[in-house]
Structure formats: structure tokens, C-alpha cells
Protein backbone atom coordinates (compact mmCIF):
# COMPACT_ATOMS: atom_id res chain seq x y z
CA MET A 1 0.00 0.00 0.00
CA SER A 2 1.38 3.41 -0.99
CA GLY A 3 1.97 6.20 1.52
CA PRO A 4 -0.99 8.38 0.44
CA ARG A 5 -3.35 5.41 0.50
CA LEU A 6 -2.13 4.43 3.97
CA VAL A 7 -2.72 7.99 5.17
CA ALA A 8 -6.17 7.93 3.53
CA SER A 9 -7.00 4.69 5.34
CA VAL A 10 -5.92 6.09 8.71
CA LEU A 11 -7.93 9.27 8.06
CA GLY A 12 -10.95 7.18 7.08
CA VAL A 13 -10.81 5.10 10.26
CA THR A 14 -10.35 8.25 12.35
CA ALA A 15 -13.28 9.92 10.58
CA LEU A 16 -15.53 6.92 11.18
CA ALA A 17 -14.54 6.82 14.86
CA ILE A 18 -15.37 10.53 15.20
CA LEU A 19 -18.71 10.09 13.44
CA VAL A 20 -19.70 7.07 15.55
CA THR A 21 -18.76 8.88 18.76
CA ALA A 22 -20.47 12.14 17.77
CA TRP A 23 -23.62 10.28 16.76
CA THR A 24 -24.35 9.63 20.47
CA PHE A 25 -24.23 13.35 21.38
CA PRO A 26 -27.52 15.19 21.99
CA PRO A 27 -28.98 16.69 18.80
CA GLY A 28 -29.88 20.08 20.27
CA GLY A 29 -33.22 21.74 19.90
CA GLN A 30 -35.20 24.94 19.35
CA GLY A 31 -32.84 26.11 16.62
CA VAL A 32 -29.71 25.63 18.76
CA PRO A 33 -27.22 23.08 17.45
CA GLY A 34 -26.18 20.33 19.82
CA PRO A 35 -22.62 19.48 20.82
CA GLY A 36 -22.34 16.88 18.07
CA VAL A 37 -22.51 19.32 15.15
CA VAL A 38 -18.82 20.28 15.00
CA PRO A 39 -17.48 16.72 15.46
CA GLN A 40 -19.92 15.45 12.84
CA LEU A 41 -18.78 18.11 10.37
CA LEU A 42 -15.14 17.31 11.16
CA GLY A 43 -15.78 13.58 10.68
CA ALA A 44 -17.60 14.15 7.40
CA GLY A 45 -14.80 16.41 6.15
CA LEU A 46 -12.11 13.89 7.08
CA LEU A 47 -14.10 11.12 5.43
CA GLY A 48 -14.31 13.22 2.26
CA VAL A 49 -10.55 13.87 2.27
CA SER A 50 -9.93 10.17 2.89
CA ALA A 51 -12.13 9.17 -0.06
CA TRP A 52 -10.42 11.74 -2.27
CA LEU A 53 -6.95 10.44 -1.35
CA LEU A 54 -8.04 6.85 -1.98
CA TRP A 55 -9.49 7.80 -5.36
CA ALA A 56 -6.54 9.93 -6.51
CA PRO A 57 -3.54 9.21 -4.27
CA GLY A 58 -0.95 11.04 -6.37
CA SER A 59 2.71 10.13 -6.18
CA GLY A 60 3.38 11.02 -2.54
CA ALA A 61 5.23 13.91 -0.97
CA PRO A 62 8.20 15.50 -2.69
CA ARG A 63 11.69 14.62 -1.47
CA LEU A 64 12.26 17.96 0.23
CA VAL A 65 9.37 19.74 1.89
CA ARG A 66 9.86 23.36 2.91
CA HIS A 67 8.28 22.96 6.35
CA HIS A 68 9.36 19.36 6.90
CA ALA A 69 9.80 19.81 10.68
CA ALA A 70 6.48 21.66 10.98
CA ILE A 71 4.45 18.46 10.62
CA PRO A 72 5.66 16.60 13.73
CA LEU A 73 5.86 19.87 15.69
CA THR A 74 2.24 20.65 14.81
CA MET A 75 1.16 17.15 15.82
CA ALA A 76 2.93 17.54 19.16
CA LEU A 77 1.37 20.99 19.60
CA TRP A 78 -2.17 19.63 19.08
CA ALA A 79 -1.48 16.75 21.45
CA ALA A 80 -0.38 19.27 24.09
CA TYR A 81 -3.53 21.30 23.36
CA ALA A 82 -5.71 18.27 24.01
CA LEU A 83 -3.82 17.38 27.21
CA LEU A 84 -4.02 20.94 28.60
CA TRP A 85 -7.70 21.43 27.67
CA ARG A 86 -9.01 21.23 31.26
CA VAL A 87 -5.92 22.76 32.89
CA VAL A 88 -5.52 26.11 31.12
CA PRO A 89 -8.44 28.48 30.36
CA TYR A 90 -9.77 28.03 26.81
CA GLY A 91 -9.00 31.52 25.48
CA VAL A 92 -5.44 31.56 26.82
CA LEU A 93 -4.67 28.01 25.66
CA THR A 94 -6.13 28.61 22.21
CA GLY A 95 -4.23 31.89 21.81
CA VAL A 96 -0.90 30.35 22.84
CA VAL A 97 -1.38 27.29 20.63
CA LEU A 98 -2.32 29.46 17.64
CA LEU A 99 0.69 31.71 18.28
CA VAL A 100 3.08 28.74 18.41
CA PHE A 101 1.47 27.19 15.31
CA LEU A 102 1.81 30.42 13.34
CA ARG A 103 5.45 30.75 14.40
CA ILE A 104 6.13 27.12 13.39
CA THR A 105 4.79 27.85 9.91
CA GLY A 106 6.99 30.92 9.49
CA VAL A 107 4.73 33.85 10.32
CA GLY A 108 6.62 36.76 11.91
CA TRP A 109 6.19 37.59 15.59
CA ARG A 110 4.05 40.69 15.10
CA GLY A 111 1.65 39.07 12.65
CA ALA A 112 1.48 35.87 14.70
CA VAL A 113 0.65 37.72 17.93
CA VAL A 114 -2.04 39.83 16.25
CA ALA A 115 -3.61 36.90 14.38
CA ALA A 116 -3.53 34.54 17.38
CA THR A 117 -5.05 37.17 19.67
CA LEU A 118 -7.82 38.04 17.23
CA MET A 119 -8.62 34.40 16.43
CA ALA A 120 -8.64 33.29 20.08
CA ALA A 121 -10.85 36.23 21.10
CA THR A 122 -13.21 35.64 18.17
CA LEU A 123 -13.52 31.93 18.95
CA GLN A 124 -14.14 32.68 22.62
CA ILE A 125 -16.90 35.16 21.75
CA LEU A 126 -18.48 32.87 19.15
CA PHE A 127 -18.59 29.93 21.55
CA GLU A 128 -19.85 31.94 24.52
CA ARG A 129 -22.33 34.25 22.80
CA GLY A 130 -23.22 32.28 19.68
CA LEU A 131 -23.45 28.77 21.10
CA GLY A 132 -23.87 29.50 24.81
CA VAL A 133 -20.84 27.41 25.77
CA ARG A 134 -19.18 28.47 29.01
CA PHE A 135 -15.53 27.66 29.61
């Protein structure tokens, strides 16, 4: 099995696990989406990407990737995000993770700080005011 097809298979299994798990979440009501909406959308998106990679796997990654180290660093960053979810307040954790991610991908300090601050604040407001989620 080629590398892209192996990745597609792993993504497909992950997507199905997310969809099965999110299926048990409450559906919501009175025009307010339930907690399963975002995981279901994520699972459906990953399943679509998986199907696309299985259908047209391409020839794999090029020999030299510009941000080669960014991939494992990003994976470690998201793992730390998941582990610190209940320890650090949501807005602070999200802002710091976004800042580190933007720096990993080569964004300058000023732009990374501004973008991470705006994105974290926007997400916090959208979750609290739009969805009624309290952190």
C-alpha cells in the first residue's frame, strides 16, 4: 500500500470513529445546534478527504518539503492542546497554541501575535455568545 493510501486509510478510520462517537451526542433543539454538530462536520470532512486520497492518491510527498519539521511539531502541539484542555483556560490556551502554530509555519512575531489574539478572542466570543458554551 502506498503512503498516500495508507494515510487515507488512517484518516478514514479516524473519521468513522469521530462520526460514531459524535452520533451519540444530543442533537440540540429549538434552533440551537447540539454538541455533536462540530465533530460530525469534522468527521464528514475527514471522510471526504480520505475518499479523495483513496481515489486519486498522487505520487506522494516531494523529497524535500519546505516545512518538513512543521508536521511533527504541529502534531505535538495539538497533542499538548488536548492534554491541557481542562488545565488552562480556553482563550489563553487557544491563543498560545495558535501563536506557536503560526510561528512554526513561518509567520513573523508581530503578525502571529495579532492573528492569534484576534482568532482566540473571536472563537471565545463565538462559543460563549453564539453557542452558549461556558468555559
